[in-house]
């Protein structure tokens, strides 16, 4: 399994603070690893590779779909106008991916 975490450089409030891209990539990797810890413990035989990528998420996932059997993305399920917003990954990826795409909606608050 390949976990891709796309990120961009945040815009600093002024020119004095320039974020370190290497540090942002490492922070992204660590955030993914923390999120995967429970799954790694539960499924130790599944090899998971984490890849932080400096790119717009939809662009990175579309490129990665060329070497994937299946792309899985989450959706917050906002729907309506929010669901039609340009740049929505769960809407852009199925249209342009080179592999099948599964869009997994999150559970509503309070749902078991």
PDB file of N, CA and C in Angstrom:
ATOM      1  N   UNK A   1       0.845  -1.156   0.000  1.00  0.00           N
ATOM      2  CA  UNK A   1       0.000   0.000   0.000  1.00  0.00           C
ATOM      3  C   UNK A   1       0.899   1.231   0.000  1.00  0.00           C
ATOM      4  N   UNK A   2       0.482   2.214  -0.753  1.00  0.00           N
ATOM      5  CA  UNK A   2       1.251   3.444  -0.883  1.00  0.00           C
ATOM      6  C   UNK A   2       0.383   4.592  -0.359  1.00  0.00           C
ATOM      7  N   UNK A   3       0.838   5.280   0.674  1.00  0.00           N
ATOM      8  CA  UNK A   3       0.114   6.423   1.239  1.00  0.00           C
ATOM      9  C   UNK A   3       0.814   7.685   0.767  1.00  0.00           C
ATOM     10  N   UNK A   4       0.072   8.506   0.049  1.00  0.00           N
ATOM     11  CA  UNK A   4       0.626   9.737  -0.491  1.00  0.00           C
ATOM     12  C   UNK A   4       0.063  10.916   0.303  1.00  0.00           C
ATOM     13  N   UNK A   5       0.936  11.768   0.771  1.00  0.00           N
ATOM     14  CA  UNK A   5       0.527  12.967   1.517  1.00  0.00           C
ATOM     15  C   UNK A   5       1.060  14.175   0.752  1.00  0.00           C
ATOM     16  N   UNK A   6       0.169  14.873   0.051  1.00  0.00           N
ATOM     17  CA  UNK A   6       0.573  16.037  -0.738  1.00  0.00           C
ATOM     18  C   UNK A   6       0.502  17.291   0.126  1.00  0.00           C
ATOM     19  N   UNK A   7       1.457  18.177  -0.108  1.00  0.00           N
ATOM     20  CA  UNK A   7       1.514  19.418   0.664  1.00  0.00           C
ATOM     21  C   UNK A   7       2.111  20.527  -0.191  1.00  0.00           C
ATOM     22  N   UNK A   8       1.783  21.745   0.171  1.00  0.00           N
ATOM     23  CA  UNK A   8       2.351  22.915  -0.488  1.00  0.00           C
ATOM     24  C   UNK A   8       3.002  23.798   0.557  1.00  0.00           C
ATOM     25  N   UNK A   9       3.854  24.686   0.118  1.00  0.00           N
ATOM     26  CA  UNK A   9       4.478  25.607   1.064  1.00  0.00           C
ATOM     27  C   UNK A   9       3.447  26.630   1.521  1.00  0.00           C
ATOM     28  N   UNK A  10       3.269  26.788   2.829  1.00  0.00           N
ATOM     29  CA  UNK A  10       2.352  27.819   3.305  1.00  0.00           C
ATOM     30  C   UNK A  10       2.903  29.205   2.977  1.00  0.00           C
ATOM     31  N   UNK A  11       2.019  30.139   2.771  1.00  0.00           N
ATOM     32  CA  UNK A  11       2.434  31.503   2.480  1.00  0.00           C
ATOM     33  C   UNK A  11       2.748  32.206   3.794  1.00  0.00           C
ATOM     34  N   UNK A  12       4.003  32.630   3.992  1.00  0.00           N
ATOM     35  CA  UNK A  12       4.351  33.304   5.233  1.00  0.00           C
ATOM     36  C   UNK A  12       3.696  34.676   5.296  1.00  0.00           C
ATOM     37  N   UNK A  13       3.391  35.150   6.511  1.00  0.00           N
ATOM     38  CA  UNK A  13       2.748  36.454   6.640  1.00  0.00           C
ATOM     39  C   UNK A  13       3.634  37.598   6.149  1.00  0.00           C
ATOM     40  N   UNK A  14       4.946  37.396   6.161  1.00  0.00           N
ATOM     41  CA  UNK A  14       5.866  38.402   5.642  1.00  0.00           C
ATOM     42  C   UNK A  14       7.074  37.682   5.041  1.00  0.00           C
ATOM     43  N   UNK A  15       7.975  38.425   4.431  1.00  0.00           N
ATOM     44  CA  UNK A  15       9.129  37.817   3.760  1.00  0.00           C
ATOM     45  C   UNK A  15      10.196  37.308   4.718  1.00  0.00           C
ATOM     46  N   UNK A  16      10.060  37.570   6.009  1.00  0.00           N
ATOM     47  CA  UNK A  16      11.111  37.185   6.951  1.00  0.00           C
ATOM     48  C   UNK A  16      11.072  35.698   7.310  1.00  0.00           C
ATOM     49  N   UNK A  17       9.928  35.053   7.136  1.00  0.00           N
ATOM     50  CA  UNK A  17       9.793  33.653   7.526  1.00  0.00           C
ATOM     51  C   UNK A  17       9.573  32.800   6.293  1.00  0.00           C
ATOM     52  N   UNK A  18      10.571  32.043   5.915  1.00  0.00           N
ATOM     53  CA  UNK A  18      10.452  31.133   4.770  1.00  0.00           C
ATOM     54  C   UNK A  18      10.462  29.710   5.314  1.00  0.00           C
ATOM     55  N   UNK A  19       9.359  28.968   5.110  1.00  0.00           N
ATOM     56  CA  UNK A  19       9.306  27.594   5.624  1.00  0.00           C
ATOM     57  C   UNK A  19      10.361  26.707   4.968  1.00  0.00           C
ATOM     58  N   UNK A  20      10.868  25.762   5.725  1.00  0.00           N
ATOM     59  CA  UNK A  20      11.852  24.802   5.223  1.00  0.00           C
ATOM     60  C   UNK A  20      11.106  23.628   4.583  1.00  0.00           C
ATOM     61  N   UNK A  21      11.187  23.466   3.253  1.00  0.00           N
ATOM     62  CA  UNK A  21      10.466  22.376   2.587  1.00  0.00           C
ATOM     63  C   UNK A  21      10.838  20.995   3.117  1.00  0.00           C
ATOM     64  N   UNK A  22      12.103  20.805   3.479  1.00  0.00           N
ATOM     65  CA  UNK A  22      12.529  19.494   4.016  1.00  0.00           C
ATOM     66  C   UNK A  22      11.833  19.204   5.340  1.00  0.00           C
ATOM     67  N   UNK A  23      11.681  20.234   6.168  1.00  0.00           N
ATOM     68  CA  UNK A  23      11.023  20.054   7.468  1.00  0.00           C
ATOM     69  C   UNK A  23       9.531  19.790   7.277  1.00  0.00           C
ATOM     70  N   UNK A  24       8.923  20.484   6.332  1.00  0.00           N
ATOM     71  CA  UNK A  24       7.500  20.253   6.062  1.00  0.00           C
ATOM     72  C   UNK A  24       7.292  18.820   5.570  1.00  0.00           C
ATOM     73  N   UNK A  25       8.171  18.329   4.698  1.00  0.00           N
ATOM     74  CA  UNK A  25       8.064  16.950   4.209  1.00  0.00           C
ATOM     75  C   UNK A  25       8.195  15.959   5.360  1.00  0.00           C
ATOM     76  N   UNK A  26       9.152  16.205   6.251  1.00  0.00           N
ATOM     77  CA  UNK A  26       9.337  15.297   7.397  1.00  0.00           C
ATOM     78  C   UNK A  26       8.142  15.357   8.340  1.00  0.00           C
ATOM     79  N   UNK A  27       7.622  16.542   8.596  1.00  0.00           N
ATOM     80  CA  UNK A  27       6.431  16.678   9.453  1.00  0.00           C
ATOM     81  C   UNK A  27       5.245  15.944   8.831  1.00  0.00           C
ATOM     82  N   UNK A  28       5.098  16.031   7.512  1.00  0.00           N
ATOM     83  CA  UNK A  28       4.016  15.330   6.810  1.00  0.00           C
ATOM     84  C   UNK A  28       4.165  13.823   6.951  1.00  0.00           C
ATOM     85  N   UNK A  29       5.401  13.346   6.794  1.00  0.00           N
ATOM     86  CA  UNK A  29       5.663  11.905   6.942  1.00  0.00           C
ATOM     87  C   UNK A  29       5.316  11.429   8.352  1.00  0.00           C
ATOM     88  N   UNK A  30       5.737  12.190   9.354  1.00  0.00           N
ATOM     89  CA  UNK A  30       5.473  11.808  10.744  1.00  0.00           C
ATOM     90  C   UNK A  30       3.982  11.830  11.058  1.00  0.00           C
ATOM     91  N   UNK A  31       3.264  12.815  10.511  1.00  0.00           N
ATOM     92  CA  UNK A  31       1.814  12.879  10.720  1.00  0.00           C
ATOM     93  C   UNK A  31       1.136  11.640  10.139  1.00  0.00           C
ATOM     94  N   UNK A  32       1.550  11.229   8.952  1.00  0.00           N
ATOM     95  CA  UNK A  32       1.010  10.008   8.343  1.00  0.00           C
ATOM     96  C   UNK A  32       1.330   8.785   9.189  1.00  0.00           C
ATOM     97  N   UNK A  33       2.565   8.702   9.644  1.00  0.00           N
ATOM     98  CA  UNK A  33       2.972   7.546  10.453  1.00  0.00           C
ATOM     99  C   UNK A  33       2.153   7.450  11.737  1.00  0.00           C
ATOM    100  N   UNK A  34       1.890   8.593  12.369  1.00  0.00           N
ATOM    101  CA  UNK A  34       1.052   8.575  13.585  1.00  0.00           C
ATOM    102  C   UNK A  34      -0.356   8.089  13.253  1.00  0.00           C
ATOM    103  N   UNK A  35      -0.892   8.552  12.133  1.00  0.00           N
ATOM    104  CA  UNK A  35      -2.225   8.125  11.732  1.00  0.00           C
ATOM    105  C   UNK A  35      -2.302   6.655  11.354  1.00  0.00           C
ATOM    106  N   UNK A  36      -1.203   6.104  10.877  1.00  0.00           N
ATOM    107  CA  UNK A  36      -1.166   4.701  10.450  1.00  0.00           C
ATOM    108  C   UNK A  36      -0.786   3.733  11.566  1.00  0.00           C
ATOM    109  N   UNK A  37      -0.370   4.232  12.706  1.00  0.00           N
ATOM    110  CA  UNK A  37       0.155   3.373  13.775  1.00  0.00           C
ATOM    111  C   UNK A  37      -0.822   2.268  14.173  1.00  0.00           C
ATOM    112  N   UNK A  38      -2.078   2.590  14.352  1.00  0.00           N
ATOM    113  CA  UNK A  38      -3.071   1.590  14.763  1.00  0.00           C
ATOM    114  C   UNK A  38      -3.249   0.535  13.674  1.00  0.00           C
ATOM    115  N   UNK A  39      -3.306   0.982  12.416  1.00  0.00           N
ATOM    116  CA  UNK A  39      -3.473   0.028  11.320  1.00  0.00           C
ATOM    117  C   UNK A  39      -2.248  -0.855  11.143  1.00  0.00           C
ATOM    118  N   UNK A  40      -1.065  -0.277  11.326  1.00  0.00           N
ATOM    119  CA  UNK A  40       0.162  -1.090  11.233  1.00  0.00           C
ATOM    120  C   UNK A  40       0.188  -2.169  12.312  1.00  0.00           C
ATOM    121  N   UNK A  41      -0.268  -1.812  13.514  1.00  0.00           N
ATOM    122  CA  UNK A  41      -0.302  -2.792  14.605  1.00  0.00           C
ATOM    123  C   UNK A  41      -1.333  -3.884  14.327  1.00  0.00           C
ATOM    124  N   UNK A  42      -2.450  -3.508  13.753  1.00  0.00           N
ATOM    125  CA  UNK A  42      -3.523  -4.471  13.497  1.00  0.00           C
ATOM    126  C   UNK A  42      -3.223  -5.371  12.294  1.00  0.00           C
ATOM    127  N   UNK A  43      -2.505  -4.814  11.282  1.00  0.00           N
ATOM    128  CA  UNK A  43      -2.194  -5.550  10.056  1.00  0.00           C
ATOM    129  C   UNK A  43      -0.685  -5.507   9.789  1.00  0.00           C
ATOM    130  N   UNK A  44       0.107  -6.174  10.612  1.00  0.00           N
ATOM    131  CA  UNK A  44       1.561  -6.069  10.500  1.00  0.00           C
ATOM    132  C   UNK A  44       2.145  -6.654   9.213  1.00  0.00           C
ATOM    133  N   UNK A  45       1.418  -7.495   8.520  1.00  0.00           N
ATOM    134  CA  UNK A  45       1.945  -8.124   7.311  1.00  0.00           C
ATOM    135  C   UNK A  45       1.768  -7.266   6.053  1.00  0.00           C
ATOM    136  N   UNK A  46       1.045  -6.166   6.182  1.00  0.00           N
ATOM    137  CA  UNK A  46       0.838  -5.290   5.031  1.00  0.00           C
ATOM    138  C   UNK A  46       1.926  -4.227   5.003  1.00  0.00           C
ATOM    139  N   UNK A  47       2.676  -4.204   3.911  1.00  0.00           N
ATOM    140  CA  UNK A  47       3.738  -3.211   3.752  1.00  0.00           C
ATOM    141  C   UNK A  47       3.113  -1.884   3.319  1.00  0.00           C
ATOM    142  N   UNK A  48       3.404  -0.842   4.071  1.00  0.00           N
ATOM    143  CA  UNK A  48       2.878   0.487   3.771  1.00  0.00           C
ATOM    144  C   UNK A  48       4.043   1.436   3.568  1.00  0.00           C
ATOM    145  N   UNK A  49       4.031   2.109   2.424  1.00  0.00           N
ATOM    146  CA  UNK A  49       5.063   3.100   2.107  1.00  0.00           C
ATOM    147  C   UNK A  49       4.412   4.479   2.166  1.00  0.00           C
ATOM    148  N   UNK A  50       4.998   5.377   2.949  1.00  0.00           N
ATOM    149  CA  UNK A  50       4.494   6.745   3.070  1.00  0.00           C
ATOM    150  C   UNK A  50       5.359   7.659   2.215  1.00  0.00           C
ATOM    151  N   UNK A  51       4.694   8.479   1.398  1.00  0.00           N
ATOM    152  CA  UNK A  51       5.428   9.387   0.518  1.00  0.00           C
ATOM    153  C   UNK A  51       4.864  10.800   0.627  1.00  0.00           C
ATOM    154  N   UNK A  52       5.610  11.709   1.261  1.00  0.00           N
ATOM    155  CA  UNK A  52       5.193  13.105   1.221  1.00  0.00           C
ATOM    156  C   UNK A  52       5.582  13.709  -0.126  1.00  0.00           C
ATOM    157  N   UNK A  53       4.665  14.445  -0.747  1.00  0.00           N
ATOM    158  CA  UNK A  53       4.885  15.006  -2.078  1.00  0.00           C
ATOM    159  C   UNK A  53       4.530  16.490  -2.046  1.00  0.00           C
ATOM    160  N   UNK A  54       5.446  17.305  -2.530  1.00  0.00           N
ATOM    161  CA  UNK A  54       5.183  18.744  -2.612  1.00  0.00           C
ATOM    162  C   UNK A  54       4.425  19.014  -3.902  1.00  0.00           C
ATOM    163  N   UNK A  55       3.100  19.111  -3.786  1.00  0.00           N
ATOM    164  CA  UNK A  55       2.235  19.277  -4.958  1.00  0.00           C
ATOM    165  C   UNK A  55       0.806  19.529  -4.491  1.00  0.00           C
ATOM    166  N   UNK A  56      -0.019  20.026  -5.406  1.00  0.00           N
ATOM    167  CA  UNK A  56      -1.453  20.076  -5.124  1.00  0.00           C
ATOM    168  C   UNK A  56      -1.931  18.639  -4.988  1.00  0.00           C
ATOM    169  N   UNK A  57      -2.773  18.334  -3.997  1.00  0.00           N
ATOM    170  CA  UNK A  57      -3.211  16.950  -3.790  1.00  0.00           C
ATOM    171  C   UNK A  57      -3.818  16.298  -5.028  1.00  0.00           C
ATOM    172  N   UNK A  58      -4.704  16.988  -5.729  1.00  0.00           N
ATOM    173  CA  UNK A  58      -5.329  16.360  -6.895  1.00  0.00           C
ATOM    174  C   UNK A  58      -4.300  16.049  -7.975  1.00  0.00           C
ATOM    175  N   UNK A  59      -3.348  16.962  -8.204  1.00  0.00           N
ATOM    176  CA  UNK A  59      -2.311  16.714  -9.207  1.00  0.00           C
ATOM    177  C   UNK A  59      -1.439  15.524  -8.819  1.00  0.00           C
ATOM    178  N   UNK A  60      -1.034  15.467  -7.544  1.00  0.00           N
ATOM    179  CA  UNK A  60      -0.179  14.371  -7.069  1.00  0.00           C
ATOM    180  C   UNK A  60      -0.890  13.027  -7.184  1.00  0.00           C
ATOM    181  N   UNK A  61      -2.161  12.987  -6.831  1.00  0.00           N
ATOM    182  CA  UNK A  61      -2.903  11.732  -6.887  1.00  0.00           C
ATOM    183  C   UNK A  61      -3.158  11.294  -8.327  1.00  0.00           C
ATOM    184  N   UNK A  62      -3.428  12.230  -9.199  1.00  0.00           N
ATOM    185  CA  UNK A  62      -3.629  11.883 -10.609  1.00  0.00           C
ATOM    186  C   UNK A  62      -2.340  11.297 -11.188  1.00  0.00           C
ATOM    187  N   UNK A  63      -1.191  11.922 -10.882  1.00  0.00           N
ATOM    188  CA  UNK A  63       0.093  11.370 -11.354  1.00  0.00           C
ATOM    189  C   UNK A  63       0.330   9.976 -10.767  1.00  0.00           C
ATOM    190  N   UNK A  64       0.082   9.813  -9.472  1.00  0.00           N
ATOM    191  CA  UNK A  64       0.322   8.524  -8.813  1.00  0.00           C
ATOM    192  C   UNK A  64      -0.629   7.443  -9.314  1.00  0.00           C
ATOM    193  N   UNK A  65      -1.799   7.842  -9.805  1.00  0.00           N
ATOM    194  CA  UNK A  65      -2.771   6.844 -10.274  1.00  0.00           C
ATOM    195  C   UNK A  65      -2.248   6.047 -11.468  1.00  0.00           C
ATOM    196  N   UNK A  66      -1.253   6.579 -12.153  1.00  0.00           N
ATOM    197  CA  UNK A  66      -0.679   5.874 -13.290  1.00  0.00           C
ATOM    198  C   UNK A  66       0.085   4.624 -12.895  1.00  0.00           C
ATOM    199  N   UNK A  67       0.478   4.521 -11.636  1.00  0.00           N
ATOM    200  CA  UNK A  67       1.207   3.337 -11.173  1.00  0.00           C
ATOM    201  C   UNK A  67       0.434   2.581 -10.084  1.00  0.00           C
ATOM    202  N   UNK A  68      -0.874   2.829 -10.010  1.00  0.00           N
ATOM    203  CA  UNK A  68      -1.695   2.210  -8.962  1.00  0.00           C
ATOM    204  C   UNK A  68      -2.740   1.273  -9.562  1.00  0.00           C
ATOM    205  N   UNK A  69      -3.153   0.298  -8.767  1.00  0.00           N
ATOM    206  CA  UNK A  69      -4.264  -0.568  -9.155  1.00  0.00           C
ATOM    207  C   UNK A  69      -5.592   0.031  -8.704  1.00  0.00           C
ATOM    208  N   UNK A  70      -5.554   0.827  -7.622  1.00  0.00           N
ATOM    209  CA  UNK A  70      -6.741   1.448  -7.070  1.00  0.00           C
ATOM    210  C   UNK A  70      -6.313   2.676  -6.277  1.00  0.00           C
ATOM    211  N   UNK A  71      -7.013   3.780  -6.451  1.00  0.00           N
ATOM    212  CA  UNK A  71      -6.784   4.983  -5.650  1.00  0.00           C
ATOM    213  C   UNK A  71      -7.953   5.122  -4.687  1.00  0.00           C
ATOM    214  N   UNK A  72      -7.649   5.341  -3.427  1.00  0.00           N
ATOM    215  CA  UNK A  72      -8.682   5.500  -2.408  1.00  0.00           C
ATOM    216  C   UNK A  72      -8.519   6.873  -1.784  1.00  0.00           C
ATOM    217  N   UNK A  73      -9.595   7.655  -1.798  1.00  0.00           N
ATOM    218  CA  UNK A  73      -9.578   8.981  -1.191  1.00  0.00           C
ATOM    219  C   UNK A  73     -10.781   9.117  -0.276  1.00  0.00           C
ATOM    220  N   UNK A  74     -10.649   9.977   0.703  1.00  0.00           N
ATOM    221  CA  UNK A  74     -11.751  10.249   1.611  1.00  0.00           C
ATOM    222  C   UNK A  74     -12.554  11.440   1.140  1.00  0.00           C
ATOM    223  N   UNK A  75     -13.773  11.519   1.607  1.00  0.00           N
ATOM    224  CA  UNK A  75     -14.638  12.658   1.334  1.00  0.00           C
ATOM    225  C   UNK A  75     -15.348  13.022   2.620  1.00  0.00           C
ATOM    226  N   UNK A  76     -15.374  14.298   2.896  1.00  0.00           N
ATOM    227  CA  UNK A  76     -16.068  14.757   4.102  1.00  0.00           C
ATOM    228  C   UNK A  76     -17.573  14.774   3.901  1.00  0.00           C
ATOM    229  N   UNK A  77     -18.006  14.578   2.660  1.00  0.00           N
ATOM    230  CA  UNK A  77     -19.436  14.473   2.389  1.00  0.00           C
ATOM    231  C   UNK A  77     -20.187  15.777   2.514  1.00  0.00           C
ATOM    232  N   UNK A  78     -19.519  16.889   2.210  1.00  0.00           N
ATOM    233  CA  UNK A  78     -20.201  18.175   2.344  1.00  0.00           C
ATOM    234  C   UNK A  78     -21.282  18.352   1.287  1.00  0.00           C
ATOM    235  N   UNK A  79     -21.060  17.803   0.099  1.00  0.00           N
ATOM    236  CA  UNK A  79     -22.071  17.871  -0.949  1.00  0.00           C
ATOM    237  C   UNK A  79     -22.457  19.290  -1.313  1.00  0.00           C
ATOM    238  N   UNK A  80     -23.572  19.428  -2.003  1.00  0.00           N
ATOM    239  CA  UNK A  80     -24.072  20.744  -2.379  1.00  0.00           C
ATOM    240  C   UNK A  80     -23.021  21.590  -3.060  1.00  0.00           C
ATOM    241  N   UNK A  81     -23.013  22.876  -2.767  1.00  0.00           N
ATOM    242  CA  UNK A  81     -22.064  23.794  -3.385  1.00  0.00           C
ATOM    243  C   UNK A  81     -20.632  23.401  -3.066  1.00  0.00           C
ATOM    244  N   UNK A  82     -20.368  23.003  -1.812  1.00  0.00           N
ATOM    245  CA  UNK A  82     -19.008  22.612  -1.426  1.00  0.00           C
ATOM    246  C   UNK A  82     -18.516  21.427  -2.256  1.00  0.00           C
ATOM    247  N   UNK A  83     -19.409  20.519  -2.572  1.00  0.00           N
ATOM    248  CA  UNK A  83     -19.028  19.360  -3.359  1.00  0.00           C
ATOM    249  C   UNK A  83     -18.697  19.693  -4.804  1.00  0.00           C
ATOM    250  N   UNK A  84     -19.162  20.840  -5.271  1.00  0.00           N
ATOM    251  CA  UNK A  84     -18.895  21.247  -6.648  1.00  0.00           C
ATOM    252  C   UNK A  84     -17.685  22.159  -6.753  1.00  0.00           C
ATOM    253  N   UNK A  85     -17.069  22.496  -5.650  1.00  0.00           N
ATOM    254  CA  UNK A  85     -15.950  23.442  -5.650  1.00  0.00           C
ATOM    255  C   UNK A  85     -14.796  22.916  -6.493  1.00  0.00           C
ATOM    256  N   UNK A  86     -14.209  23.801  -7.279  1.00  0.00           N
ATOM    257  CA  UNK A  86     -13.060  23.430  -8.093  1.00  0.00           C
ATOM    258  C   UNK A  86     -11.928  23.020  -7.160  1.00  0.00           C
ATOM    259  N   UNK A  87     -11.253  21.946  -7.500  1.00  0.00           N
ATOM    260  CA  UNK A  87     -10.148  21.490  -6.681  1.00  0.00           C
ATOM    261  C   UNK A  87     -10.538  20.394  -5.710  1.00  0.00           C
ATOM    262  N   UNK A  88     -11.806  20.059  -5.622  1.00  0.00           N
ATOM    263  CA  UNK A  88     -12.230  18.990  -4.742  1.00  0.00           C
ATOM    264  C   UNK A  88     -11.611  17.683  -5.226  1.00  0.00           C
ATOM    265  N   UNK A  89     -10.802  17.081  -4.383  1.00  0.00           N
ATOM    266  CA  UNK A  89     -10.069  15.876  -4.775  1.00  0.00           C
ATOM    267  C   UNK A  89     -11.021  14.731  -5.107  1.00  0.00           C
ATOM    268  N   UNK A  90     -12.040  14.559  -4.297  1.00  0.00           N
ATOM    269  CA  UNK A  90     -12.949  13.431  -4.527  1.00  0.00           C
ATOM    270  C   UNK A  90     -13.775  13.600  -5.800  1.00  0.00           C
ATOM    271  N   UNK A  91     -13.783  14.804  -6.377  1.00  0.00           N
ATOM    272  CA  UNK A  91     -14.468  15.013  -7.652  1.00  0.00           C
ATOM    273  C   UNK A  91     -13.477  15.013  -8.821  1.00  0.00           C
ATOM    274  N   UNK A  92     -12.290  15.552  -8.616  1.00  0.00           N
ATOM    275  CA  UNK A  92     -11.302  15.640  -9.696  1.00  0.00           C
ATOM    276  C   UNK A  92     -10.679  14.281 -10.006  1.00  0.00           C
ATOM    277  N   UNK A  93     -10.354  13.518  -8.991  1.00  0.00           N
ATOM    278  CA  UNK A  93      -9.626  12.272  -9.207  1.00  0.00           C
ATOM    279  C   UNK A  93     -10.395  11.256 -10.050  1.00  0.00           C
ATOM    280  N   UNK A  94     -11.668  10.979  -9.764  1.00  0.00           N
ATOM    281  CA  UNK A  94     -12.361   9.983 -10.595  1.00  0.00           C
ATOM    282  C   UNK A  94     -12.414  10.351 -12.071  1.00  0.00           C
ATOM    283  N   UNK A  95     -12.409  11.636 -12.380  1.00  0.00           N
ATOM    284  CA  UNK A  95     -12.492  12.065 -13.772  1.00  0.00           C
ATOM    285  C   UNK A  95     -11.169  11.880 -14.513  1.00  0.00           C
ATOM    286  N   UNK A  96     -10.049  12.063 -13.817  1.00  0.00           N
ATOM    287  CA  UNK A  96      -8.750  12.106 -14.493  1.00  0.00           C
ATOM    288  C   UNK A  96      -7.784  10.987 -14.119  1.00  0.00           C
ATOM    289  N   UNK A  97      -8.145  10.132 -13.199  1.00  0.00           N
ATOM    290  CA  UNK A  97      -7.236   9.074 -12.753  1.00  0.00           C
ATOM    291  C   UNK A  97      -7.041   8.017 -13.829  1.00  0.00           C
ATOM    292  N   UNK A  98      -5.893   7.354 -13.774  1.00  0.00           N
ATOM    293  CA  UNK A  98      -5.571   6.277 -14.711  1.00  0.00           C
ATOM    294  C   UNK A  98      -5.930   4.908 -14.161  1.00  0.00           C
ATOM    295  N   UNK A  99      -6.547   4.872 -12.986  1.00  0.00           N
ATOM    296  CA  UNK A  99      -6.944   3.612 -12.362  1.00  0.00           C
ATOM    297  C   UNK A  99      -8.318   3.812 -11.730  1.00  0.00           C
ATOM    298  N   UNK A 100      -8.967   2.732 -11.301  1.00  0.00           N
ATOM    299  CA  UNK A 100     -10.240   2.891 -10.594  1.00  0.00           C
ATOM    300  C   UNK A 100     -10.040   3.703  -9.308  1.00  0.00           C
ATOM    301  N   UNK A 101     -11.094   4.409  -8.898  1.00  0.00           N
ATOM    302  CA  UNK A 101     -11.044   5.271  -7.709  1.00  0.00           C
ATOM    303  C   UNK A 101     -12.186   4.896  -6.776  1.00  0.00           C
ATOM    304  N   UNK A 102     -11.868   4.744  -5.498  1.00  0.00           N
ATOM    305  CA  UNK A 102     -12.884   4.553  -4.463  1.00  0.00           C
ATOM    306  C   UNK A 102     -12.914   5.807  -3.604  1.00  0.00           C
ATOM    307  N   UNK A 103     -14.091   6.417  -3.490  1.00  0.00           N
ATOM    308  CA  UNK A 103     -14.267   7.596  -2.648  1.00  0.00           C
ATOM    309  C   UNK A 103     -15.018   7.140  -1.406  1.00  0.00           C
ATOM    310  N   UNK A 104     -14.355   7.287  -0.264  1.00  0.00           N
ATOM    311  CA  UNK A 104     -14.921   6.826   1.005  1.00  0.00           C
ATOM    312  C   UNK A 104     -15.415   8.037   1.781  1.00  0.00           C
ATOM    313  N   UNK A 105     -16.708   8.052   2.056  1.00  0.00           N
ATOM    314  CA  UNK A 105     -17.288   9.167   2.807  1.00  0.00           C
ATOM    315  C   UNK A 105     -17.110   8.928   4.303  1.00  0.00           C
ATOM    316  N   UNK A 106     -16.867  10.017   5.025  1.00  0.00           N
ATOM    317  CA  UNK A 106     -16.733   9.905   6.476  1.00  0.00           C
ATOM    318  C   UNK A 106     -18.108   9.709   7.100  1.00  0.00           C
ATOM    319  N   UNK A 107     -18.111   9.146   8.292  1.00  0.00           N
ATOM    320  CA  UNK A 107     -19.352   8.988   9.017  1.00  0.00           C
ATOM    321  C   UNK A 107     -19.815  10.318   9.542  1.00  0.00           C
ATOM    322  N   UNK A 108     -21.103  10.492   9.614  1.00  0.00           N
ATOM    323  CA  UNK A 108     -21.642  11.723  10.192  1.00  0.00           C
ATOM    324  C   UNK A 108     -21.370  11.737  11.680  1.00  0.00           C
ATOM    325  N   UNK A 109     -21.230  12.932  12.274  1.00  0.00           N
ATOM    326  CA  UNK A 109     -21.027  12.997  13.732  1.00  0.00           C
ATOM    327  C   UNK A 109     -22.145  12.246  14.452  1.00  0.00           C
ATOM    328  N   UNK A 110     -21.744  11.463  15.419  1.00  0.00           N
ATOM    329  CA  UNK A 110     -22.711  10.717  16.220  1.00  0.00           C
ATOM    330  C   UNK A 110     -23.082   9.370  15.641  1.00  0.00           C
ATOM    331  N   UNK A 111     -22.625   9.065  14.441  1.00  0.00           N
ATOM    332  CA  UNK A 111     -22.924   7.783  13.824  1.00  0.00           C
ATOM    333  C   UNK A 111     -21.935   6.733  14.298  1.00  0.00           C
ATOM    334  N   UNK A 112     -22.395   5.536  14.576  1.00  0.00           N
ATOM    335  CA  UNK A 112     -21.517   4.467  15.063  1.00  0.00           C
ATOM    336  C   UNK A 112     -20.846   3.752  13.923  1.00  0.00           C
TER     337      UNK A 112
END
